[in-house]
Amino acid sequence: MRYAIQIRRQAQKKLQSLPASERERLALKIQALGNDPDDQNLDTKKLAASPYWRLRVGSWRVIYDRQNALRIIAIEAIKPRGDAYK
């Protein structure tokens, strides 16, 4: 059940600006999300009153859109926990 991963430029810039250890940890979780977005080990949740989902990785939040019909996951933003829901 693989999904294609698309990362918006803003999210890509944020990912590249992080320290290597954080970047690696986020990249592994995003890859696991693409392999199986319904995996119970991933901490994902549908956001209320929004078409987006969130993936929790430590103190970081990956905000993404999931298109099941096209099998695409579009990463919209990568933000620290305090800024992710504003």
N, C-alpha and C. Protein backbone atom coordinates (compact mmCIF):
# COMPACT_ATOMS: atom_id res chain seq x y z
N MET A 1 0.81 -1.18 0.00
CA MET A 1 0.00 0.00 0.00
C MET A 1 0.86 1.25 0.00
N ARG A 2 1.77 1.39 -0.93
CA ARG A 2 2.67 2.54 -0.98
C ARG A 2 1.97 3.78 -1.53
N TYR A 3 2.29 4.89 -0.94
CA TYR A 3 1.80 6.19 -1.39
C TYR A 3 3.00 7.00 -1.87
N ALA A 4 2.79 7.81 -2.88
CA ALA A 4 3.83 8.73 -3.33
C ALA A 4 3.88 9.91 -2.35
N ILE A 5 5.08 10.37 -2.05
CA ILE A 5 5.26 11.49 -1.14
C ILE A 5 5.62 12.73 -1.94
N GLN A 6 4.88 13.80 -1.73
CA GLN A 6 5.19 15.11 -2.32
C GLN A 6 5.42 16.08 -1.18
N ILE A 7 6.54 16.79 -1.23
CA ILE A 7 6.87 17.73 -0.15
C ILE A 7 6.87 19.14 -0.72
N ARG A 8 6.06 20.02 -0.15
CA ARG A 8 6.02 21.42 -0.59
C ARG A 8 7.35 22.10 -0.28
N ARG A 9 7.66 23.13 -1.03
CA ARG A 9 8.94 23.83 -0.90
C ARG A 9 9.15 24.34 0.52
N GLN A 10 8.12 24.89 1.14
CA GLN A 10 8.23 25.41 2.50
C GLN A 10 8.63 24.30 3.49
N ALA A 11 8.00 23.14 3.36
CA ALA A 11 8.32 22.02 4.24
C ALA A 11 9.72 21.49 3.96
N GLN A 12 10.12 21.47 2.70
CA GLN A 12 11.47 21.01 2.32
C GLN A 12 12.54 21.93 2.92
N LYS A 13 12.30 23.24 2.87
CA LYS A 13 13.25 24.20 3.43
C LYS A 13 13.39 24.00 4.94
N LYS A 14 12.26 23.80 5.60
CA LYS A 14 12.29 23.59 7.05
C LYS A 14 13.05 22.32 7.39
N LEU A 15 12.80 21.27 6.63
CA LEU A 15 13.48 20.00 6.87
C LEU A 15 14.99 20.15 6.69
N GLN A 16 15.41 20.87 5.67
CA GLN A 16 16.83 21.05 5.41
C GLN A 16 17.51 21.94 6.44
N SER A 17 16.74 22.80 7.11
CA SER A 17 17.33 23.70 8.09
C SER A 17 17.53 23.04 9.46
N LEU A 18 16.98 21.87 9.65
CA LEU A 18 17.08 21.19 10.95
C LEU A 18 18.44 20.50 11.11
N PRO A 19 18.84 20.26 12.37
CA PRO A 19 20.06 19.48 12.60
C PRO A 19 19.93 18.07 12.00
N ALA A 20 21.05 17.48 11.66
CA ALA A 20 21.06 16.19 10.96
C ALA A 20 20.28 15.10 11.70
N SER A 21 20.38 15.04 13.02
CA SER A 21 19.69 13.99 13.77
C SER A 21 18.18 14.15 13.67
N GLU A 22 17.69 15.38 13.80
CA GLU A 22 16.25 15.64 13.68
C GLU A 22 15.77 15.38 12.26
N ARG A 23 16.55 15.81 11.29
CA ARG A 23 16.21 15.63 9.88
C ARG A 23 16.09 14.15 9.55
N GLU A 24 17.02 13.35 10.04
CA GLU A 24 17.00 11.91 9.79
C GLU A 24 15.77 11.25 10.42
N ARG A 25 15.47 11.66 11.65
CA ARG A 25 14.32 11.08 12.35
C ARG A 25 13.01 11.42 11.63
N LEU A 26 12.86 12.67 11.20
CA LEU A 26 11.67 13.07 10.46
C LEU A 26 11.59 12.35 9.11
N ALA A 27 12.71 12.23 8.42
CA ALA A 27 12.72 11.57 7.11
C ALA A 27 12.30 10.11 7.23
N LEU A 28 12.75 9.43 8.27
CA LEU A 28 12.37 8.03 8.46
C LEU A 28 10.87 7.89 8.72
N LYS A 29 10.31 8.79 9.52
CA LYS A 29 8.86 8.73 9.80
C LYS A 29 8.04 9.06 8.55
N ILE A 30 8.50 10.03 7.76
CA ILE A 30 7.79 10.38 6.53
C ILE A 30 7.84 9.21 5.56
N GLN A 31 8.98 8.53 5.49
CA GLN A 31 9.10 7.35 4.62
C GLN A 31 8.16 6.25 5.10
N ALA A 32 8.08 6.02 6.40
CA ALA A 32 7.18 5.01 6.95
C ALA A 32 5.72 5.40 6.67
N LEU A 33 5.42 6.69 6.71
CA LEU A 33 4.07 7.17 6.38
C LEU A 33 3.72 6.83 4.93
N GLY A 34 4.67 6.99 4.03
CA GLY A 34 4.44 6.65 2.63
C GLY A 34 4.26 5.17 2.41
N ASN A 35 4.95 4.36 3.20
CA ASN A 35 4.82 2.91 3.07
C ASN A 35 3.45 2.42 3.52
N ASP A 36 2.94 2.95 4.62
CA ASP A 36 1.62 2.55 5.12
C ASP A 36 1.06 3.64 6.03
N PRO A 37 0.24 4.54 5.49
CA PRO A 37 -0.29 5.63 6.32
C PRO A 37 -1.26 5.17 7.40
N ASP A 38 -1.71 3.93 7.35
CA ASP A 38 -2.61 3.40 8.36
C ASP A 38 -1.89 2.61 9.45
N ASP A 39 -0.56 2.64 9.45
CA ASP A 39 0.24 1.92 10.43
C ASP A 39 -0.08 2.41 11.84
N GLN A 40 -0.41 1.51 12.73
CA GLN A 40 -0.79 1.87 14.10
C GLN A 40 0.39 2.41 14.90
N ASN A 41 1.63 2.10 14.49
CA ASN A 41 2.82 2.58 15.20
C ASN A 41 3.11 4.05 14.92
N LEU A 42 2.57 4.58 13.84
CA LEU A 42 2.74 5.99 13.54
C LEU A 42 1.70 6.78 14.32
N ASP A 43 2.10 7.90 14.87
CA ASP A 43 1.18 8.73 15.64
C ASP A 43 0.53 9.74 14.70
N THR A 44 -0.51 9.31 13.98
CA THR A 44 -1.21 10.17 13.04
C THR A 44 -2.62 10.45 13.55
N LYS A 45 -3.15 11.58 13.11
CA LYS A 45 -4.49 11.96 13.54
C LYS A 45 -5.07 12.93 12.52
N LYS A 46 -6.36 12.79 12.23
CA LYS A 46 -7.06 13.72 11.37
C LYS A 46 -7.32 14.99 12.17
N LEU A 47 -6.98 16.14 11.60
CA LEU A 47 -7.19 17.40 12.30
C LEU A 47 -8.66 17.81 12.21
N ALA A 48 -9.20 18.28 13.30
CA ALA A 48 -10.60 18.71 13.35
C ALA A 48 -10.79 19.97 12.52
N ALA A 49 -11.90 20.04 11.81
CA ALA A 49 -12.26 21.22 11.00
C ALA A 49 -11.19 21.58 9.98
N SER A 50 -10.52 20.57 9.46
CA SER A 50 -9.46 20.79 8.48
C SER A 50 -9.35 19.56 7.59
N PRO A 51 -8.95 19.72 6.35
CA PRO A 51 -8.78 18.54 5.48
C PRO A 51 -7.45 17.82 5.73
N TYR A 52 -6.63 18.36 6.62
CA TYR A 52 -5.28 17.83 6.81
C TYR A 52 -5.19 16.82 7.94
N TRP A 53 -4.09 16.11 7.92
CA TRP A 53 -3.73 15.15 8.95
C TRP A 53 -2.44 15.65 9.60
N ARG A 54 -2.10 15.10 10.75
CA ARG A 54 -0.81 15.41 11.36
C ARG A 54 -0.10 14.12 11.75
N LEU A 55 1.22 14.18 11.64
CA LEU A 55 2.10 13.10 12.08
C LEU A 55 2.97 13.69 13.18
N ARG A 56 2.96 13.07 14.33
CA ARG A 56 3.75 13.56 15.46
C ARG A 56 5.08 12.83 15.49
N VAL A 57 6.16 13.62 15.49
CA VAL A 57 7.52 13.08 15.58
C VAL A 57 8.24 13.87 16.67
N GLY A 58 8.21 13.36 17.88
CA GLY A 58 8.80 14.10 19.00
C GLY A 58 8.09 15.43 19.19
N SER A 59 8.85 16.52 19.19
CA SER A 59 8.25 17.84 19.36
C SER A 59 7.91 18.49 18.02
N TRP A 60 8.03 17.75 16.94
CA TRP A 60 7.72 18.25 15.59
C TRP A 60 6.41 17.69 15.10
N ARG A 61 5.71 18.47 14.26
CA ARG A 61 4.46 18.03 13.65
C ARG A 61 4.60 18.15 12.14
N VAL A 62 4.25 17.09 11.45
CA VAL A 62 4.22 17.07 9.99
C VAL A 62 2.76 17.15 9.59
N ILE A 63 2.38 18.25 8.96
CA ILE A 63 1.01 18.46 8.52
C ILE A 63 0.94 18.02 7.06
N TYR A 64 -0.01 17.12 6.76
CA TYR A 64 -0.07 16.58 5.40
C TYR A 64 -1.50 16.36 4.94
N ASP A 65 -1.62 16.27 3.63
CA ASP A 65 -2.90 15.98 2.98
C ASP A 65 -2.80 14.57 2.42
N ARG A 66 -3.83 13.79 2.62
CA ARG A 66 -3.83 12.40 2.18
C ARG A 66 -4.90 12.21 1.11
N GLN A 67 -4.48 11.81 -0.08
CA GLN A 67 -5.41 11.58 -1.18
C GLN A 67 -5.39 10.08 -1.49
N ASN A 68 -6.36 9.38 -0.93
CA ASN A 68 -6.40 7.92 -1.05
C ASN A 68 -6.64 7.45 -2.48
N ALA A 69 -7.48 8.15 -3.21
CA ALA A 69 -7.80 7.72 -4.58
C ALA A 69 -6.58 7.76 -5.48
N LEU A 70 -5.73 8.76 -5.29
CA LEU A 70 -4.52 8.91 -6.11
C LEU A 70 -3.29 8.29 -5.45
N ARG A 71 -3.43 7.88 -4.19
CA ARG A 71 -2.33 7.30 -3.41
C ARG A 71 -1.17 8.28 -3.30
N ILE A 72 -1.50 9.50 -2.87
CA ILE A 72 -0.51 10.56 -2.70
C ILE A 72 -0.62 11.14 -1.30
N ILE A 73 0.52 11.38 -0.69
CA ILE A 73 0.59 12.12 0.56
C ILE A 73 1.39 13.38 0.27
N ALA A 74 0.76 14.53 0.48
CA ALA A 74 1.39 15.82 0.22
C ALA A 74 1.75 16.46 1.56
N ILE A 75 3.05 16.58 1.83
CA ILE A 75 3.52 17.20 3.06
C ILE A 75 3.37 18.71 2.89
N GLU A 76 2.51 19.32 3.70
CA GLU A 76 2.23 20.75 3.61
C GLU A 76 3.18 21.58 4.47
N ALA A 77 3.48 21.11 5.67
CA ALA A 77 4.31 21.89 6.59
C ALA A 77 4.98 20.98 7.60
N ILE A 78 6.12 21.43 8.09
CA ILE A 78 6.82 20.79 9.20
C ILE A 78 7.07 21.90 10.20
N LYS A 79 6.46 21.76 11.39
CA LYS A 79 6.52 22.84 12.38
C LYS A 79 6.75 22.28 13.77
N PRO A 80 7.30 23.12 14.65
CA PRO A 80 7.38 22.69 16.05
C PRO A 80 5.97 22.61 16.65
N ARG A 81 5.82 21.84 17.68
CA ARG A 81 4.51 21.55 18.25
C ARG A 81 3.72 22.82 18.57
N GLY A 82 4.34 23.84 19.13
CA GLY A 82 3.64 25.05 19.53
C GLY A 82 3.08 25.86 18.37
N ASP A 83 3.70 25.77 17.20
CA ASP A 83 3.28 26.58 16.05
C ASP A 83 2.42 25.81 15.06
N ALA A 84 2.31 24.53 15.20
CA ALA A 84 1.69 23.69 14.18
C ALA A 84 0.19 23.93 14.02
N TYR A 85 -0.48 24.31 15.07
CA TYR A 85 -1.94 24.37 15.01
C TYR A 85 -2.49 25.79 14.95
N LYS A 86 -1.63 26.75 14.71
CA LYS A 86 -2.06 28.15 14.66
C LYS A 86 -2.51 28.51 13.27
